Amino acid sequence: MDVYEAIYSRRDVRHFRTDPVPDDVLQRILNAAHHAGSVGFMQPWNFLVIRSAATKQRIFDLYKEANRQAAEDYQGEQRALYDSLKLAGILEADINLAVTCDSQRETGGGLGRKSMPETAVYSTCCAIENLWLAARAEGIGVGWVSIVDPDAAKQILGIPQSLTLVAYLCIGVPISFDKKPMLERAGWQSRVPLEELVYYEAWGHRSTSPEKV
């Protein structure tokens, strides 16, 4: 699978088979994450691998409460659609993975972070995308669970409060990879056309001709 095929067929997976993820495959996708670009080569990430059913259940309980609160923001048909969505595969996935960022890590000597310290978190997101694409190339599904209280999750997982919990991921053998993203297929949101999001030379300028700026 080439990089473009991985990008276009990557999905946020919520339905998993019971098959375990082989250890060598896990190590390859973690290594791909670790080879992401990072500002100043600081490598601010850590990866906490979770296979314990008891720990997954505790995180799932956090998800259920956060999901209940989130559902209250929607009404009518949108609420019904929200309630029908499967937004977590915490218990089904073979592996749960907490990805953290240490914004104060001395690696890299602070290079590039003076004016934009938030690039530590951005770098961690690059690692997550690397992991996601590598997993897709391996036939492994990944789902990002953002509907969870990060501070409560950090307490359950023993993550130091000084670190940022950037992502809680579910990783496993998928039942299938959908042809379209789940939220697009369900009618929640369609993909915004690229041409509506690209400007040239100056904000709001859609022409590619510099002389017209």
C-alpha atoms as a PDB file:
ATOM      1  CA  MET A   1       0.000   0.000   0.000  1.00  0.00           C
ATOM      2  CA  ASP A   2       1.493   3.348  -0.997  1.00  0.00           C
ATOM      3  CA  VAL A   3       1.149   6.486   1.097  1.00  0.00           C
ATOM      4  CA  TYR A   4      -1.732   7.944  -0.934  1.00  0.00           C
ATOM      5  CA  GLU A   5      -3.738   4.737  -0.701  1.00  0.00           C
ATOM      6  CA  ALA A   6      -3.199   4.703   3.060  1.00  0.00           C
ATOM      7  CA  ILE A   7      -4.298   8.337   3.353  1.00  0.00           C
ATOM      8  CA  TYR A   8      -7.458   7.949   1.289  1.00  0.00           C
ATOM      9  CA  SER A   9      -8.508   4.644   2.865  1.00  0.00           C
ATOM     10  CA  ARG A  10      -7.715   5.554   6.482  1.00  0.00           C
ATOM     11  CA  ARG A  11     -10.815   5.426   8.663  1.00  0.00           C
ATOM     12  CA  ASP A  12     -11.787   6.164  12.257  1.00  0.00           C
ATOM     13  CA  VAL A  13     -12.631   2.583  13.212  1.00  0.00           C
ATOM     14  CA  ARG A  14     -15.152   1.687  15.945  1.00  0.00           C
ATOM     15  CA  HIS A  15     -15.960  -1.967  15.181  1.00  0.00           C
ATOM     16  CA  PHE A  16     -13.256  -4.535  15.892  1.00  0.00           C
ATOM     17  CA  ARG A  17     -12.793  -8.286  15.634  1.00  0.00           C
ATOM     18  CA  THR A  18     -11.583 -10.312  18.613  1.00  0.00           C
ATOM     19  CA  ASP A  19      -8.272 -11.174  16.916  1.00  0.00           C
ATOM     20  CA  PRO A  20      -5.239  -9.830  18.805  1.00  0.00           C
ATOM     21  CA  VAL A  21      -2.860  -7.353  17.225  1.00  0.00           C
ATOM     22  CA  PRO A  22       0.479  -9.176  16.749  1.00  0.00           C
ATOM     23  CA  ASP A  23       3.290  -7.750  18.868  1.00  0.00           C
ATOM     24  CA  ASP A  24       5.548  -7.200  15.865  1.00  0.00           C
ATOM     25  CA  VAL A  25       2.822  -5.211  14.107  1.00  0.00           C
ATOM     26  CA  LEU A  26       2.293  -3.074  17.200  1.00  0.00           C
ATOM     27  CA  GLN A  27       6.008  -2.374  17.395  1.00  0.00           C
ATOM     28  CA  ARG A  28       6.121  -1.358  13.727  1.00  0.00           C
ATOM     29  CA  ILE A  29       3.284   1.136  14.018  1.00  0.00           C
ATOM     30  CA  LEU A  30       4.723   2.564  17.259  1.00  0.00           C
ATOM     31  CA  ASN A  31       8.077   2.916  15.529  1.00  0.00           C
ATOM     32  CA  ALA A  32       6.381   4.704  12.642  1.00  0.00           C
ATOM     33  CA  ALA A  33       4.859   7.104  15.158  1.00  0.00           C
ATOM     34  CA  HIS A  34       8.252   7.649  16.753  1.00  0.00           C
ATOM     35  CA  HIS A  35       9.690   8.636  13.368  1.00  0.00           C
ATOM     36  CA  ALA A  36       7.308  11.565  12.957  1.00  0.00           C
ATOM     37  CA  GLY A  37       8.665  15.032  12.491  1.00  0.00           C
ATOM     38  CA  SER A  38       8.875  17.164  15.624  1.00  0.00           C
ATOM     39  CA  VAL A  39       9.840  20.794  16.157  1.00  0.00           C
ATOM     40  CA  GLY A  40      13.483  20.993  17.221  1.00  0.00           C
ATOM     41  CA  PHE A  41      13.568  17.177  17.084  1.00  0.00           C
ATOM     42  CA  MET A  42      12.184  17.277  20.629  1.00  0.00           C
ATOM     43  CA  GLN A  43      10.156  14.036  20.298  1.00  0.00           C
ATOM     44  CA  PRO A  44       7.703  15.048  23.048  1.00  0.00           C
ATOM     45  CA  TRP A  45       5.529  11.922  22.900  1.00  0.00           C
ATOM     46  CA  ASN A  46       5.023   8.845  25.050  1.00  0.00           C
ATOM     47  CA  PHE A  47       2.791   5.864  24.282  1.00  0.00           C
ATOM     48  CA  LEU A  48       0.942   3.970  27.025  1.00  0.00           C
ATOM     49  CA  VAL A  49      -0.230   0.554  25.777  1.00  0.00           C
ATOM     50  CA  ILE A  50      -3.324  -0.771  27.576  1.00  0.00           C
ATOM     51  CA  ARG A  51      -4.626  -4.317  27.271  1.00  0.00           C
ATOM     52  CA  SER A  52      -6.207  -4.697  30.734  1.00  0.00           C
ATOM     53  CA  ALA A  53      -9.965  -5.276  30.512  1.00  0.00           C
ATOM     54  CA  ALA A  54     -10.418  -3.625  33.919  1.00  0.00           C
ATOM     55  CA  THR A  55      -8.643  -0.461  32.822  1.00  0.00           C
ATOM     56  CA  LYS A  56     -10.589  -0.351  29.563  1.00  0.00           C
ATOM     57  CA  GLN A  57     -13.819  -0.606  31.546  1.00  0.00           C
ATOM     58  CA  ARG A  58     -12.861   2.324  33.757  1.00  0.00           C
ATOM     59  CA  ILE A  59     -12.089   4.460  30.714  1.00  0.00           C
ATOM     60  CA  PHE A  60     -15.328   3.313  29.063  1.00  0.00           C
ATOM     61  CA  ASP A  61     -17.256   4.468  32.139  1.00  0.00           C
ATOM     62  CA  LEU A  62     -15.655   7.913  31.679  1.00  0.00           C
ATOM     63  CA  TYR A  63     -16.670   7.851  28.037  1.00  0.00           C
ATOM     64  CA  LYS A  64     -20.304   6.996  28.869  1.00  0.00           C
ATOM     65  CA  GLU A  65     -20.597   9.987  31.198  1.00  0.00           C
ATOM     66  CA  ALA A  66     -18.903  12.394  28.777  1.00  0.00           C
ATOM     67  CA  ASN A  67     -21.060  11.071  25.940  1.00  0.00           C
ATOM     68  CA  ARG A  68     -24.217  11.617  27.982  1.00  0.00           C
ATOM     69  CA  GLN A  69     -23.207  15.223  28.597  1.00  0.00           C
ATOM     70  CA  ALA A  70     -22.253  15.780  24.951  1.00  0.00           C
ATOM     71  CA  ALA A  71     -25.608  14.415  23.751  1.00  0.00           C
ATOM     72  CA  GLU A  72     -27.399  17.183  25.654  1.00  0.00           C
ATOM     73  CA  ASP A  73     -25.991  19.723  23.166  1.00  0.00           C
ATOM     74  CA  TYR A  74     -28.180  18.320  20.380  1.00  0.00           C
ATOM     75  CA  GLN A  75     -31.926  18.368  19.811  1.00  0.00           C
ATOM     76  CA  GLY A  76     -34.480  16.731  17.543  1.00  0.00           C
ATOM     77  CA  GLU A  77     -33.229  14.819  14.509  1.00  0.00           C
ATOM     78  CA  GLN A  78     -29.626  15.746  15.212  1.00  0.00           C
ATOM     79  CA  ARG A  79     -29.932  14.295  18.726  1.00  0.00           C
ATOM     80  CA  ALA A  80     -31.443  11.102  17.329  1.00  0.00           C
ATOM     81  CA  LEU A  81     -28.609  10.823  14.821  1.00  0.00           C
ATOM     82  CA  TYR A  82     -26.017  11.478  17.522  1.00  0.00           C
ATOM     83  CA  ASP A  83     -27.531   8.775  19.736  1.00  0.00           C
ATOM     84  CA  SER A  84     -27.343   6.302  16.836  1.00  0.00           C
ATOM     85  CA  LEU A  85     -23.607   6.826  16.273  1.00  0.00           C
ATOM     86  CA  LYS A  86     -21.071   4.383  17.674  1.00  0.00           C
ATOM     87  CA  LEU A  87     -18.356   6.724  18.900  1.00  0.00           C
ATOM     88  CA  ALA A  88     -16.093   4.380  20.864  1.00  0.00           C
ATOM     89  CA  GLY A  89     -14.608   0.918  20.515  1.00  0.00           C
ATOM     90  CA  ILE A  90     -12.845   0.950  23.864  1.00  0.00           C
ATOM     91  CA  LEU A  91     -13.992  -2.449  25.093  1.00  0.00           C
ATOM     92  CA  GLU A  92     -13.889  -4.237  21.750  1.00  0.00           C
ATOM     93  CA  ALA A  93     -10.406  -3.137  20.636  1.00  0.00           C
ATOM     94  CA  ASP A  94      -7.501  -5.405  21.520  1.00  0.00           C
ATOM     95  CA  ILE A  95      -5.342  -2.429  22.470  1.00  0.00           C
ATOM     96  CA  ASN A  96      -6.076   0.985  23.911  1.00  0.00           C
ATOM     97  CA  LEU A  97      -3.287   3.517  23.500  1.00  0.00           C
ATOM     98  CA  ALA A  98      -2.860   6.772  25.404  1.00  0.00           C
ATOM     99  CA  VAL A  99      -0.604   9.242  23.599  1.00  0.00           C
ATOM    100  CA  THR A 100       0.860  12.017  25.734  1.00  0.00           C
ATOM    101  CA  CYS A 101       2.910  15.146  25.154  1.00  0.00           C
ATOM    102  CA  ASP A 102       5.608  16.518  27.463  1.00  0.00           C
ATOM    103  CA  SER A 103       5.799  20.183  26.467  1.00  0.00           C
ATOM    104  CA  GLN A 104       8.687  20.780  28.884  1.00  0.00           C
ATOM    105  CA  ARG A 105      10.889  17.974  27.566  1.00  0.00           C
ATOM    106  CA  GLU A 106      14.445  19.242  27.200  1.00  0.00           C
ATOM    107  CA  THR A 107      15.149  17.133  24.122  1.00  0.00           C
ATOM    108  CA  GLY A 108      15.838  19.494  21.219  1.00  0.00           C
ATOM    109  CA  GLY A 109      17.002  22.333  23.463  1.00  0.00           C
ATOM    110  CA  GLY A 110      13.832  24.367  22.944  1.00  0.00           C
ATOM    111  CA  LEU A 111      14.641  24.997  19.293  1.00  0.00           C
ATOM    112  CA  GLY A 112      11.621  26.393  17.419  1.00  0.00           C
ATOM    113  CA  ARG A 113       9.383  26.653  20.479  1.00  0.00           C
ATOM    114  CA  LYS A 114      10.139  30.158  21.720  1.00  0.00           C
ATOM    115  CA  SER A 115       7.436  31.865  19.677  1.00  0.00           C
ATOM    116  CA  MET A 116       5.114  28.856  19.301  1.00  0.00           C
ATOM    117  CA  PRO A 117       5.354  26.574  22.356  1.00  0.00           C
ATOM    118  CA  GLU A 118       2.168  24.772  21.281  1.00  0.00           C
ATOM    119  CA  THR A 119       4.188  23.078  18.536  1.00  0.00           C
ATOM    120  CA  ALA A 120       5.037  20.366  21.087  1.00  0.00           C
ATOM    121  CA  VAL A 121       1.407  19.211  20.926  1.00  0.00           C
ATOM    122  CA  TYR A 122       1.342  19.675  17.153  1.00  0.00           C
ATOM    123  CA  SER A 123       4.402  17.425  16.896  1.00  0.00           C
ATOM    124  CA  THR A 124       2.606  14.754  18.925  1.00  0.00           C
ATOM    125  CA  CYS A 125      -0.309  14.958  16.497  1.00  0.00           C
ATOM    126  CA  CYS A 126       2.145  14.262  13.667  1.00  0.00           C
ATOM    127  CA  ALA A 127       3.190  11.091  15.516  1.00  0.00           C
ATOM    128  CA  ILE A 128      -0.456  10.052  15.842  1.00  0.00           C
ATOM    129  CA  GLU A 129      -1.052  10.513  12.113  1.00  0.00           C
ATOM    130  CA  ASN A 130       2.068   8.479  11.325  1.00  0.00           C
ATOM    131  CA  LEU A 131       0.766   5.713  13.579  1.00  0.00           C
ATOM    132  CA  TRP A 132      -2.674   5.832  11.957  1.00  0.00           C
ATOM    133  CA  LEU A 133      -1.330   5.565   8.416  1.00  0.00           C
ATOM    134  CA  ALA A 134       1.116   2.795   9.326  1.00  0.00           C
ATOM    135  CA  ALA A 135      -1.723   0.907  11.021  1.00  0.00           C
ATOM    136  CA  ARG A 136      -3.851   1.223   7.877  1.00  0.00           C
ATOM    137  CA  ALA A 137      -0.996  -0.153   5.776  1.00  0.00           C
ATOM    138  CA  GLU A 138      -0.843  -3.113   8.197  1.00  0.00           C
ATOM    139  CA  GLY A 139      -4.606  -3.710   7.952  1.00  0.00           C
ATOM    140  CA  ILE A 140      -5.100  -2.510  11.542  1.00  0.00           C
ATOM    141  CA  GLY A 141      -7.905  -0.136  12.551  1.00  0.00           C
ATOM    142  CA  VAL A 142      -7.538   2.904  14.793  1.00  0.00           C
ATOM    143  CA  GLY A 143     -10.266   4.942  16.471  1.00  0.00           C
ATOM    144  CA  TRP A 144      -9.694   8.237  18.293  1.00  0.00           C
ATOM    145  CA  VAL A 145     -11.873   8.649  21.408  1.00  0.00           C
ATOM    146  CA  SER A 146     -12.092  12.336  22.282  1.00  0.00           C
ATOM    147  CA  ILE A 147     -15.293  12.052  24.328  1.00  0.00           C
ATOM    148  CA  VAL A 148     -13.598  11.492  27.668  1.00  0.00           C
ATOM    149  CA  ASP A 149     -12.458  13.704  30.551  1.00  0.00           C
ATOM    150  CA  PRO A 150      -8.666  13.906  30.049  1.00  0.00           C
ATOM    151  CA  ASP A 151      -7.846  14.720  33.678  1.00  0.00           C
ATOM    152  CA  ALA A 152      -9.921  11.793  34.959  1.00  0.00           C
ATOM    153  CA  ALA A 153      -8.352   9.512  32.368  1.00  0.00           C
ATOM    154  CA  LYS A 154      -4.858  10.637  33.386  1.00  0.00           C
ATOM    155  CA  GLN A 155      -5.667   9.809  37.000  1.00  0.00           C
ATOM    156  CA  ILE A 156      -6.863   6.301  36.093  1.00  0.00           C
ATOM    157  CA  LEU A 157      -3.784   5.684  33.953  1.00  0.00           C
ATOM    158  CA  GLY A 158      -1.271   7.179  36.370  1.00  0.00           C
ATOM    159  CA  ILE A 159      -0.160   9.810  33.855  1.00  0.00           C
ATOM    160  CA  PRO A 160       1.630  12.770  35.511  1.00  0.00           C
ATOM    161  CA  GLN A 161      -0.497  15.904  35.618  1.00  0.00           C
ATOM    162  CA  SER A 162       2.294  17.869  33.927  1.00  0.00           C
ATOM    163  CA  LEU A 163       1.739  15.925  30.707  1.00  0.00           C
ATOM    164  CA  THR A 164      -0.977  16.540  28.119  1.00  0.00           C
ATOM    165  CA  LEU A 165      -3.154  13.603  27.129  1.00  0.00           C
ATOM    166  CA  VAL A 166      -3.367  14.308  23.407  1.00  0.00           C
ATOM    167  CA  ALA A 167      -5.200  11.178  22.276  1.00  0.00           C
ATOM    168  CA  TYR A 168      -6.868   8.035  23.556  1.00  0.00           C
ATOM    169  CA  LEU A 169      -6.847   5.522  20.719  1.00  0.00           C
ATOM    170  CA  CYS A 170      -8.507   2.149  20.154  1.00  0.00           C
ATOM    171  CA  ILE A 171      -6.387  -0.210  18.054  1.00  0.00           C
ATOM    172  CA  GLY A 172      -7.423  -3.592  16.703  1.00  0.00           C
ATOM    173  CA  VAL A 173      -8.281  -5.764  13.750  1.00  0.00           C
ATOM    174  CA  PRO A 174     -11.275  -4.062  12.111  1.00  0.00           C
ATOM    175  CA  ILE A 175     -14.409  -5.827  10.998  1.00  0.00           C
ATOM    176  CA  SER A 176     -14.056  -3.743   7.830  1.00  0.00           C
ATOM    177  CA  PHE A 177     -12.750  -0.476   6.462  1.00  0.00           C
ATOM    178  CA  ASP A 178     -15.695   1.583   5.252  1.00  0.00           C
ATOM    179  CA  LYS A 179     -15.575   3.091   1.770  1.00  0.00           C
ATOM    180  CA  LYS A 180     -16.538   6.444   3.299  1.00  0.00           C
ATOM    181  CA  PRO A 181     -15.842   7.912   6.750  1.00  0.00           C
ATOM    182  CA  MET A 182     -18.485   6.802   9.234  1.00  0.00           C
ATOM    183  CA  LEU A 183     -19.794  10.322   9.943  1.00  0.00           C
ATOM    184  CA  GLU A 184     -20.090  11.072   6.233  1.00  0.00           C
ATOM    185  CA  ARG A 185     -21.885   7.774   5.598  1.00  0.00           C
ATOM    186  CA  ALA A 186     -24.261   8.432   8.522  1.00  0.00           C
ATOM    187  CA  GLY A 187     -25.151  11.871   7.189  1.00  0.00           C
ATOM    188  CA  TRP A 188     -23.555  13.835  10.035  1.00  0.00           C
ATOM    189  CA  GLN A 189     -21.122  15.813   7.891  1.00  0.00           C
ATOM    190  CA  SER A 190     -19.963  15.728   4.273  1.00  0.00           C
ATOM    191  CA  ARG A 191     -16.409  16.492   3.190  1.00  0.00           C
ATOM    192  CA  VAL A 192     -15.852  20.198   2.530  1.00  0.00           C
ATOM    193  CA  PRO A 193     -14.606  20.788  -1.049  1.00  0.00           C
ATOM    194  CA  LEU A 194     -10.875  21.516  -1.088  1.00  0.00           C
ATOM    195  CA  GLU A 195     -11.311  24.609  -3.253  1.00  0.00           C
ATOM    196  CA  GLU A 196     -13.289  26.261  -0.448  1.00  0.00           C
ATOM    197  CA  LEU A 197     -10.320  25.916   1.901  1.00  0.00           C
ATOM    198  CA  VAL A 198      -7.363  27.007  -0.244  1.00  0.00           C
ATOM    199  CA  TYR A 199      -6.203  30.589  -0.781  1.00  0.00           C
ATOM    200  CA  TYR A 200      -3.251  31.887  -2.800  1.00  0.00           C
ATOM    201  CA  GLU A 201      -0.804  34.667  -1.899  1.00  0.00           C
ATOM    202  CA  ALA A 202      -3.186  36.361   0.579  1.00  0.00           C
ATOM    203  CA  TRP A 203      -6.090  35.331   2.802  1.00  0.00           C
ATOM    204  CA  GLY A 204      -9.368  35.126   0.892  1.00  0.00           C
ATOM    205  CA  HIS A 205      -7.701  35.225  -2.538  1.00  0.00           C
ATOM    206  CA  ARG A 206      -8.694  32.150  -4.554  1.00  0.00           C
ATOM    207  CA  SER A 207      -6.944  32.962  -7.830  1.00  0.00           C
ATOM    208  CA  THR A 208      -3.532  31.410  -8.488  1.00  0.00           C
ATOM    209  CA  SER A 209      -2.383  34.600 -10.250  1.00  0.00           C
ATOM    210  CA  PRO A 210      -0.148  36.653  -7.895  1.00  0.00           C
ATOM    211  CA  GLU A 211      -0.612  39.850  -9.897  1.00  0.00           C
ATOM    212  CA  LYS A 212      -4.302  39.951  -8.935  1.00  0.00           C
ATOM    213  CA  VAL A 213      -3.623  40.103  -5.157  1.00  0.00           C
END
